[in-house]
Amino acid sequence: MNQVNYAAMSDEELRRYFLQHRDDKIALRAYLDRLSERPRNIITTVDDPDFDAKIQAAILRKMQGADRNGEAAV
């Protein structure tokens, strides 16, 4: 069996690989491990009086970033 080097793949390459090889549990674990290692950006807290505005601003930034990268905004 051919050994796959998940560590050598970029995040996007690993994501695409797993989507094409959904039965590869090790690829899924490698991808999930990478996601869990990323720093989390806390946008707001539930009791923040500006909760709605901050959430809307974060969504807008994400959509604008996707547009600049040629990705479809979700």
N, C-alpha and C. Protein backbone atom coordinates (compact mmCIF):
# COMPACT_ATOMS: atom_id res chain seq x y z
N MET A 1 0.83 -1.18 0.00
CA MET A 1 0.00 0.00 0.00
C MET A 1 0.87 1.24 0.00
N ASN A 2 0.48 2.24 -0.76
CA ASN A 2 1.22 3.49 -0.87
C ASN A 2 0.96 4.37 0.34
N GLN A 3 2.02 4.80 1.01
CA GLN A 3 1.88 5.66 2.18
C GLN A 3 1.66 7.10 1.74
N VAL A 4 0.68 7.76 2.32
CA VAL A 4 0.37 9.14 1.99
C VAL A 4 1.00 10.02 3.06
N ASN A 5 1.70 11.07 2.63
CA ASN A 5 2.34 12.00 3.56
C ASN A 5 1.41 13.19 3.80
N TYR A 6 0.55 13.08 4.80
CA TYR A 6 -0.41 14.15 5.09
C TYR A 6 0.29 15.43 5.53
N ALA A 7 1.39 15.29 6.24
CA ALA A 7 2.11 16.46 6.75
C ALA A 7 2.66 17.32 5.62
N ALA A 8 2.97 16.71 4.48
CA ALA A 8 3.52 17.45 3.36
C ALA A 8 2.45 18.22 2.58
N MET A 9 1.18 17.89 2.85
CA MET A 9 0.07 18.54 2.12
C MET A 9 -0.30 19.86 2.79
N SER A 10 -0.70 20.81 1.96
CA SER A 10 -1.26 22.04 2.50
C SER A 10 -2.63 21.72 3.08
N ASP A 11 -3.20 22.64 3.83
CA ASP A 11 -4.53 22.43 4.39
C ASP A 11 -5.54 22.15 3.28
N GLU A 12 -5.47 22.92 2.21
CA GLU A 12 -6.41 22.75 1.11
C GLU A 12 -6.20 21.41 0.40
N GLU A 13 -4.95 21.03 0.20
CA GLU A 13 -4.66 19.74 -0.44
C GLU A 13 -5.19 18.58 0.42
N LEU A 14 -4.99 18.68 1.73
CA LEU A 14 -5.47 17.64 2.62
C LEU A 14 -6.99 17.58 2.63
N ARG A 15 -7.64 18.72 2.61
CA ARG A 15 -9.10 18.77 2.56
C ARG A 15 -9.61 18.10 1.28
N ARG A 16 -9.02 18.48 0.15
CA ARG A 16 -9.43 17.88 -1.13
C ARG A 16 -9.15 16.38 -1.15
N TYR A 17 -8.00 15.97 -0.62
CA TYR A 17 -7.66 14.55 -0.58
C TYR A 17 -8.71 13.78 0.21
N PHE A 18 -9.06 14.31 1.40
CA PHE A 18 -10.05 13.60 2.20
C PHE A 18 -11.40 13.54 1.50
N LEU A 19 -11.80 14.63 0.86
CA LEU A 19 -13.08 14.61 0.16
C LEU A 19 -13.11 13.59 -0.97
N GLN A 20 -11.97 13.29 -1.54
CA GLN A 20 -11.88 12.28 -2.60
C GLN A 20 -11.68 10.87 -2.05
N HIS A 21 -11.25 10.77 -0.79
CA HIS A 21 -10.97 9.47 -0.16
C HIS A 21 -11.66 9.43 1.20
N ARG A 22 -12.96 9.51 1.20
CA ARG A 22 -13.73 9.61 2.45
C ARG A 22 -13.59 8.41 3.37
N ASP A 23 -13.13 7.31 2.87
CA ASP A 23 -12.93 6.13 3.72
C ASP A 23 -11.57 6.14 4.43
N ASP A 24 -10.73 7.13 4.14
CA ASP A 24 -9.41 7.24 4.76
C ASP A 24 -9.54 7.95 6.10
N LYS A 25 -9.69 7.16 7.16
CA LYS A 25 -9.90 7.70 8.51
C LYS A 25 -8.67 8.46 9.01
N ILE A 26 -7.50 8.06 8.58
CA ILE A 26 -6.28 8.74 9.02
C ILE A 26 -6.22 10.14 8.41
N ALA A 27 -6.66 10.29 7.17
CA ALA A 27 -6.71 11.62 6.54
C ALA A 27 -7.68 12.52 7.28
N LEU A 28 -8.84 11.97 7.65
CA LEU A 28 -9.81 12.76 8.41
C LEU A 28 -9.21 13.20 9.73
N ARG A 29 -8.55 12.30 10.44
CA ARG A 29 -7.94 12.64 11.73
C ARG A 29 -6.87 13.71 11.53
N ALA A 30 -6.06 13.60 10.50
CA ALA A 30 -5.01 14.59 10.23
C ALA A 30 -5.63 15.96 9.98
N TYR A 31 -6.71 15.98 9.20
CA TYR A 31 -7.37 17.26 8.89
C TYR A 31 -8.01 17.86 10.14
N LEU A 32 -8.71 17.05 10.92
CA LEU A 32 -9.34 17.55 12.15
C LEU A 32 -8.30 18.02 13.16
N ASP A 33 -7.18 17.32 13.24
CA ASP A 33 -6.10 17.76 14.13
C ASP A 33 -5.59 19.14 13.74
N ARG A 34 -5.44 19.35 12.44
CA ARG A 34 -4.99 20.67 11.97
C ARG A 34 -6.00 21.76 12.33
N LEU A 35 -7.26 21.46 12.13
CA LEU A 35 -8.29 22.46 12.46
C LEU A 35 -8.28 22.79 13.94
N SER A 36 -8.10 21.79 14.78
CA SER A 36 -8.12 22.03 16.23
C SER A 36 -6.89 22.80 16.71
N GLU A 37 -5.81 22.76 15.94
CA GLU A 37 -4.58 23.46 16.32
C GLU A 37 -4.60 24.94 15.94
N ARG A 38 -5.53 25.32 15.09
CA ARG A 38 -5.60 26.72 14.66
C ARG A 38 -6.05 27.61 15.80
N PRO A 39 -5.51 28.82 15.86
CA PRO A 39 -5.99 29.76 16.89
C PRO A 39 -7.44 30.13 16.60
N ARG A 40 -8.20 30.27 17.65
CA ARG A 40 -9.60 30.62 17.50
C ARG A 40 -9.77 32.11 17.67
N ASN A 41 -10.51 32.71 16.76
CA ASN A 41 -10.78 34.14 16.81
C ASN A 41 -12.14 34.34 17.47
N ILE A 42 -12.15 34.86 18.69
CA ILE A 42 -13.39 35.11 19.41
C ILE A 42 -13.94 36.45 18.94
N ILE A 43 -15.10 36.42 18.32
CA ILE A 43 -15.70 37.63 17.75
C ILE A 43 -16.41 38.43 18.83
N THR A 44 -17.18 37.76 19.66
CA THR A 44 -17.96 38.43 20.69
C THR A 44 -18.41 37.40 21.72
N THR A 45 -19.11 37.85 22.72
CA THR A 45 -19.69 36.96 23.72
C THR A 45 -21.20 37.18 23.74
N VAL A 46 -21.92 36.24 24.26
CA VAL A 46 -23.38 36.29 24.25
C VAL A 46 -23.92 37.52 24.98
N ASP A 47 -23.26 37.94 26.03
CA ASP A 47 -23.76 39.08 26.81
C ASP A 47 -23.26 40.44 26.31
N ASP A 48 -22.57 40.47 25.20
CA ASP A 48 -22.07 41.72 24.61
C ASP A 48 -23.24 42.53 24.04
N PRO A 49 -23.37 43.80 24.43
CA PRO A 49 -24.48 44.61 23.90
C PRO A 49 -24.38 44.84 22.39
N ASP A 50 -23.19 44.71 21.82
CA ASP A 50 -22.99 44.90 20.38
C ASP A 50 -22.91 43.55 19.65
N PHE A 51 -23.48 42.51 20.23
CA PHE A 51 -23.40 41.15 19.69
C PHE A 51 -23.80 41.11 18.21
N ASP A 52 -25.00 41.60 17.90
CA ASP A 52 -25.51 41.53 16.52
C ASP A 52 -24.60 42.26 15.54
N ALA A 53 -24.16 43.45 15.89
CA ALA A 53 -23.32 44.25 15.00
C ALA A 53 -21.98 43.55 14.75
N LYS A 54 -21.41 42.96 15.80
CA LYS A 54 -20.12 42.28 15.65
C LYS A 54 -20.24 41.03 14.79
N ILE A 55 -21.33 40.29 14.97
CA ILE A 55 -21.54 39.09 14.16
C ILE A 55 -21.74 39.47 12.70
N GLN A 56 -22.55 40.48 12.46
CA GLN A 56 -22.79 40.92 11.08
C GLN A 56 -21.50 41.42 10.42
N ALA A 57 -20.69 42.15 11.17
CA ALA A 57 -19.42 42.65 10.64
C ALA A 57 -18.47 41.49 10.31
N ALA A 58 -18.45 40.47 11.16
CA ALA A 58 -17.58 39.32 10.91
C ALA A 58 -18.04 38.56 9.67
N ILE A 59 -19.34 38.41 9.50
CA ILE A 59 -19.87 37.74 8.32
C ILE A 59 -19.53 38.52 7.06
N LEU A 60 -19.67 39.83 7.12
CA LEU A 60 -19.35 40.67 5.97
C LEU A 60 -17.87 40.56 5.61
N ARG A 61 -16.98 40.58 6.62
CA ARG A 61 -15.54 40.43 6.36
C ARG A 61 -15.25 39.08 5.70
N LYS A 62 -15.90 38.03 6.18
CA LYS A 62 -15.69 36.69 5.62
C LYS A 62 -16.16 36.65 4.17
N MET A 63 -17.31 37.24 3.90
CA MET A 63 -17.84 37.26 2.53
C MET A 63 -16.95 38.08 1.60
N GLN A 64 -16.45 39.20 2.07
CA GLN A 64 -15.56 40.03 1.25
C GLN A 64 -14.24 39.32 0.99
N GLY A 65 -13.74 38.61 1.99
CA GLY A 65 -12.51 37.84 1.82
C GLY A 65 -12.69 36.72 0.81
N ALA A 66 -13.84 36.09 0.84
CA ALA A 66 -14.14 35.02 -0.12
C ALA A 66 -14.23 35.58 -1.53
N ASP A 67 -14.85 36.75 -1.68
CA ASP A 67 -14.97 37.37 -2.99
C ASP A 67 -13.59 37.72 -3.56
N ARG A 68 -12.70 38.22 -2.71
CA ARG A 68 -11.35 38.60 -3.17
C ARG A 68 -10.55 37.37 -3.58
N ASN A 69 -10.82 36.23 -2.93
CA ASN A 69 -10.09 35.00 -3.23
C ASN A 69 -10.75 34.20 -4.35
N GLY A 70 -11.81 34.71 -4.90
CA GLY A 70 -12.50 34.02 -5.99
C GLY A 70 -13.32 32.84 -5.52
N GLU A 71 -13.63 32.79 -4.23
CA GLU A 71 -14.43 31.72 -3.70
C GLU A 71 -15.89 32.15 -3.66
N ALA A 72 -16.76 31.20 -3.64
CA ALA A 72 -18.18 31.51 -3.50
C ALA A 72 -18.45 31.84 -2.05
N ALA A 73 -19.16 32.92 -1.82
CA ALA A 73 -19.56 33.28 -0.47
C ALA A 73 -20.67 32.35 -0.01
N VAL A 74 -20.53 31.84 1.19
CA VAL A 74 -21.51 30.87 1.71
C VAL A 74 -22.44 31.56 2.66
